[in-house]
Amino acid sequence: MMSSKIVLCGCVLASLVAVTAWGQSSGNTHGRNISVTEDLWLQLADEPGRHLQEARDHFFKNDRTSAAWQMRKAVVYLKISAENSSAKTEKNLRSSATELESLARGVESGTVTSIQTLEHAFSRAEHALAQHHYALANESWAKRESRIAGYRLRAAGDATERAARWTGEEIEEGAVATYRGTRTLGGKLIEGGGVVVDEVGKGIEAVGHQIEKVGKLVAPRN
């Protein structure tokens, strides 16, 4: 089955080029849309989490420039996700992108001084990504696009786990088991391993339950 496409609109792609220093040979990207295969894009699903963790580490070391730089990398991923999201999840993705960009400026200027301020924002961003991947996992599975559903399901579980960790609350054993099971199930779907419809349905339902629970722990948006 041919993979779906993720569209990188010109203005967001330009941000991606700038923030990752890829612009030396890429030329002007404004006004152009570029498509990449969805499964290729989803292999980068862990990137925002990695950048947010590095931002936190740099902030802790008082390297504010590097912290802001890493946050802006996550912002680009959020913006691209919002461009390709369902109507239900677009608002929170854009809100988190705006919030992280504002925090990046505050980190650079020195007006943001609390690491908890960052962690609360990071938990909201990861939760928004979890909702995004979960919604699209449901859509992909309904179409029996198993490989894409697997990537989305695994990404939803991973983002939910990261959101939970950013809240600072202890993760229950049942939740840990769900995240582990989600990664296993996602891997089976990606590799085309033997799964039954009920197994996938239960896996998606379990992740959705965890997203709801973590959502209650995530600090509300201002």
Protein backbone atom coordinates (compact mmCIF):
# COMPACT_ATOMS: atom_id res chain seq x y z
CA MET A 1 0.00 0.00 0.00
CA MET A 2 1.36 3.43 -0.91
CA SER A 3 2.19 5.57 2.12
CA SER A 4 0.39 8.80 2.86
CA LYS A 5 2.20 12.10 2.55
CA ILE A 6 3.16 14.68 5.18
CA VAL A 7 3.14 18.19 3.76
CA LEU A 8 5.78 20.63 4.93
CA CYS A 9 4.48 24.07 3.99
CA GLY A 10 7.00 26.64 2.83
CA CYS A 11 7.00 28.89 5.90
CA VAL A 12 7.39 25.99 8.33
CA LEU A 13 9.98 24.30 6.14
CA ALA A 14 11.98 27.52 6.12
CA SER A 15 11.97 27.43 9.93
CA LEU A 16 13.13 23.84 9.84
CA VAL A 17 15.99 24.74 7.52
CA ALA A 18 17.03 27.67 9.66
CA VAL A 19 16.87 25.96 13.01
CA THR A 20 18.75 22.87 11.89
CA ALA A 21 21.34 24.73 9.81
CA TRP A 22 20.44 22.79 6.69
CA GLY A 23 20.08 25.94 4.62
CA GLN A 24 23.53 26.07 3.07
CA SER A 25 22.51 24.13 -0.01
CA SER A 26 18.72 24.01 0.20
CA GLY A 27 17.89 27.35 -1.40
CA ASN A 28 14.80 29.43 -0.74
CA THR A 29 11.94 27.33 0.67
CA HIS A 30 9.38 30.11 1.20
CA GLY A 31 6.17 29.61 -0.72
CA ARG A 32 6.89 25.98 -1.60
CA ASN A 33 5.31 22.87 -0.19
CA ILE A 34 7.32 19.69 0.07
CA SER A 35 5.87 16.22 0.71
CA VAL A 36 7.63 13.35 2.44
CA THR A 37 6.29 9.85 3.02
CA GLU A 38 4.42 9.53 6.29
CA ASP A 39 6.33 6.50 7.51
CA LEU A 40 9.63 8.33 6.92
CA TRP A 41 8.40 11.36 8.84
CA LEU A 42 7.13 9.18 11.69
CA GLN A 43 10.59 7.73 12.18
CA LEU A 44 11.41 11.19 13.56
CA ALA A 45 8.60 11.03 16.14
CA ASP A 46 11.05 10.91 19.06
CA GLU A 47 12.87 14.05 17.95
CA PRO A 48 10.77 16.64 19.85
CA GLY A 49 11.17 14.64 23.06
CA ARG A 50 14.93 14.49 22.58
CA HIS A 51 15.14 18.22 21.91
CA LEU A 52 13.04 19.09 24.96
CA GLN A 53 15.22 16.92 27.18
CA GLU A 54 18.35 18.57 25.79
CA ALA A 55 16.75 21.99 26.33
CA ARG A 56 16.16 21.12 29.96
CA ASP A 57 19.75 19.88 30.36
CA HIS A 58 21.19 23.05 28.81
CA PHE A 59 18.93 25.25 30.94
CA PHE A 60 20.08 23.44 34.08
CA LYS A 61 23.69 24.19 33.06
CA ASN A 62 22.72 27.85 32.46
CA ASP A 63 23.46 27.52 28.75
CA ARG A 64 20.45 29.56 27.75
CA THR A 65 21.30 29.96 24.08
CA SER A 66 21.53 26.20 23.54
CA ALA A 67 18.38 25.60 25.59
CA ALA A 68 16.38 28.03 23.44
CA TRP A 69 17.85 26.49 20.26
CA GLN A 70 16.68 23.01 21.27
CA MET A 71 13.22 24.29 22.17
CA ARG A 72 12.85 25.87 18.74
CA LYS A 73 13.65 22.55 17.10
CA ALA A 74 10.70 21.06 18.98
CA VAL A 75 8.58 24.05 17.92
CA VAL A 76 9.19 23.23 14.25
CA TYR A 77 8.05 19.63 14.75
CA LEU A 78 4.90 20.84 16.52
CA LYS A 79 4.12 23.25 13.68
CA ILE A 80 4.56 20.59 11.02
CA SER A 81 2.37 18.22 13.03
CA ALA A 82 -0.31 20.91 13.32
CA GLU A 83 -0.25 21.39 9.54
CA ASN A 84 -1.01 17.69 9.12
CA SER A 85 -3.27 17.11 12.14
CA SER A 86 -6.91 16.31 12.64
CA ALA A 87 -9.22 19.17 13.54
CA LYS A 88 -9.45 17.86 17.12
CA THR A 89 -5.75 18.16 17.89
CA GLU A 90 -4.57 21.13 15.83
CA LYS A 91 -5.39 23.76 18.48
CA ASN A 92 -3.27 22.23 21.24
CA LEU A 93 -0.34 21.62 18.89
CA ARG A 94 -0.34 25.25 17.80
CA SER A 95 -0.79 26.46 21.37
CA SER A 96 2.23 24.46 22.48
CA ALA A 97 4.31 25.70 19.56
CA THR A 98 3.45 29.30 20.49
CA GLU A 99 4.12 28.64 24.17
CA LEU A 100 7.53 27.05 23.54
CA GLU A 101 8.59 29.85 21.20
CA SER A 102 7.62 32.41 23.84
CA LEU A 103 9.54 30.47 26.49
CA ALA A 104 12.58 30.23 24.20
CA ARG A 105 12.64 34.02 23.99
CA GLY A 106 12.25 34.23 27.75
CA VAL A 107 15.08 31.77 28.29
CA GLU A 108 17.36 33.81 26.03
CA SER A 109 16.50 37.10 27.75
CA GLY A 110 16.77 35.65 31.24
CA THR A 111 13.15 36.35 32.20
CA VAL A 112 12.38 32.63 32.50
CA THR A 113 14.22 31.39 35.57
CA SER A 114 12.24 28.36 36.78
CA ILE A 115 12.98 24.93 35.43
CA GLN A 116 9.48 23.91 36.47
CA THR A 117 8.08 26.47 34.05
CA LEU A 118 9.83 24.61 31.27
CA GLU A 119 8.79 21.18 32.51
CA HIS A 120 5.13 22.16 32.71
CA ALA A 121 5.25 23.49 29.14
CA PHE A 122 7.09 20.38 27.98
CA SER A 123 4.41 18.15 29.51
CA ARG A 124 1.73 20.08 27.62
CA ALA A 125 3.65 19.80 24.36
CA GLU A 126 4.18 16.05 24.71
CA HIS A 127 0.53 15.56 25.66
CA ALA A 128 -0.56 17.50 22.58
CA LEU A 129 1.66 15.26 20.44
CA ALA A 130 0.25 12.16 22.14
CA GLN A 131 -3.30 13.27 21.29
CA HIS A 132 -2.21 14.00 17.73
CA HIS A 133 -0.59 10.62 17.14
CA TYR A 134 -3.45 8.81 18.86
CA ALA A 135 -6.11 10.45 16.68
CA LEU A 136 -4.21 9.57 13.52
CA ALA A 137 -3.48 6.03 14.76
CA ASN A 138 -7.23 5.51 15.01
CA GLU A 139 -7.74 6.88 11.50
CA SER A 140 -4.97 4.74 10.04
CA TRP A 141 -6.20 1.58 11.72
CA ALA A 142 -9.76 2.22 10.53
CA LYS A 143 -8.33 2.19 6.99
CA ARG A 144 -6.24 -0.89 7.87
CA GLU A 145 -3.04 1.02 7.14
CA SER A 146 -1.22 -1.23 9.57
CA ARG A 147 2.30 0.11 9.16
CA ILE A 148 1.29 3.75 9.66
CA ALA A 149 -1.02 2.80 12.52
CA GLY A 150 1.92 1.05 14.16
CA TYR A 151 4.15 4.09 13.93
CA ARG A 152 1.37 6.35 15.20
CA LEU A 153 0.44 4.03 18.05
CA ARG A 154 4.04 3.72 19.21
CA ALA A 155 4.53 7.47 18.96
CA ALA A 156 1.35 8.11 20.96
CA GLY A 157 2.51 5.81 23.75
CA ASP A 158 6.00 7.27 23.87
CA ALA A 159 4.73 10.87 23.92
CA THR A 160 2.25 10.02 26.67
CA GLU A 161 5.01 8.48 28.77
CA ARG A 162 7.23 11.53 28.29
CA ALA A 163 4.35 13.86 29.18
CA ALA A 164 3.77 11.85 32.36
CA ARG A 165 7.43 12.06 33.32
CA TRP A 166 7.50 15.84 32.78
CA THR A 167 4.65 16.23 35.31
CA GLY A 168 6.96 14.85 37.98
CA GLU A 169 4.37 12.34 39.16
CA GLU A 170 5.34 8.72 39.73
CA ILE A 171 4.28 6.47 36.86
CA GLU A 172 2.18 3.52 37.99
CA GLU A 173 3.16 -0.03 37.11
CA GLY A 174 0.03 -0.46 35.02
CA ALA A 175 0.94 2.58 32.93
CA VAL A 176 4.50 1.31 32.42
CA ALA A 177 3.07 -2.01 31.22
CA THR A 178 0.78 -0.16 28.80
CA TYR A 179 3.66 1.84 27.32
CA ARG A 180 5.75 -1.30 26.95
CA GLY A 181 2.87 -3.18 25.35
CA THR A 182 2.19 -0.28 22.98
CA ARG A 183 5.77 -0.32 21.73
CA THR A 184 5.57 -4.08 21.17
CA LEU A 185 2.23 -3.85 19.36
CA GLY A 186 3.40 -0.90 17.28
CA GLY A 187 6.48 -2.86 16.27
CA LYS A 188 4.37 -5.83 15.17
CA LEU A 189 2.19 -3.59 13.02
CA ILE A 190 5.20 -1.88 11.47
CA GLU A 191 6.92 -5.15 10.67
CA GLY A 192 3.73 -6.85 9.49
CA GLY A 193 3.77 -9.41 12.29
CA GLY A 194 0.75 -11.46 13.24
CA VAL A 195 -1.81 -9.40 15.13
CA VAL A 196 -5.53 -9.77 15.49
CA VAL A 197 -8.10 -7.00 15.26
CA ASP A 198 -9.09 -7.30 18.92
CA GLU A 199 -5.47 -7.00 20.03
CA VAL A 200 -5.00 -3.75 18.15
CA GLY A 201 -8.31 -2.39 19.37
CA LYS A 202 -7.40 -3.11 22.98
CA GLY A 203 -3.96 -1.56 22.50
CA ILE A 204 -5.40 1.64 21.06
CA GLU A 205 -7.97 1.79 23.84
CA ALA A 206 -5.28 1.34 26.51
CA VAL A 207 -3.20 4.20 25.12
CA GLY A 208 -6.27 6.42 24.94
CA HIS A 209 -6.98 5.71 28.60
CA GLN A 210 -3.45 6.72 29.56
CA ILE A 211 -3.66 9.91 27.49
CA GLU A 212 -6.79 10.87 29.42
CA LYS A 213 -5.17 10.10 32.78
CA VAL A 214 -2.02 12.05 31.99
CA GLY A 215 -4.13 14.91 30.71
CA LYS A 216 -5.49 15.34 34.23
CA LEU A 217 -1.94 15.66 35.58
CA VAL A 218 -0.69 18.12 32.98
CA ALA A 219 -0.78 21.71 34.22
CA PRO A 220 -3.54 23.69 32.47
CA ARG A 221 -2.64 26.23 29.83
CA ASN A 222 -2.74 29.85 30.90
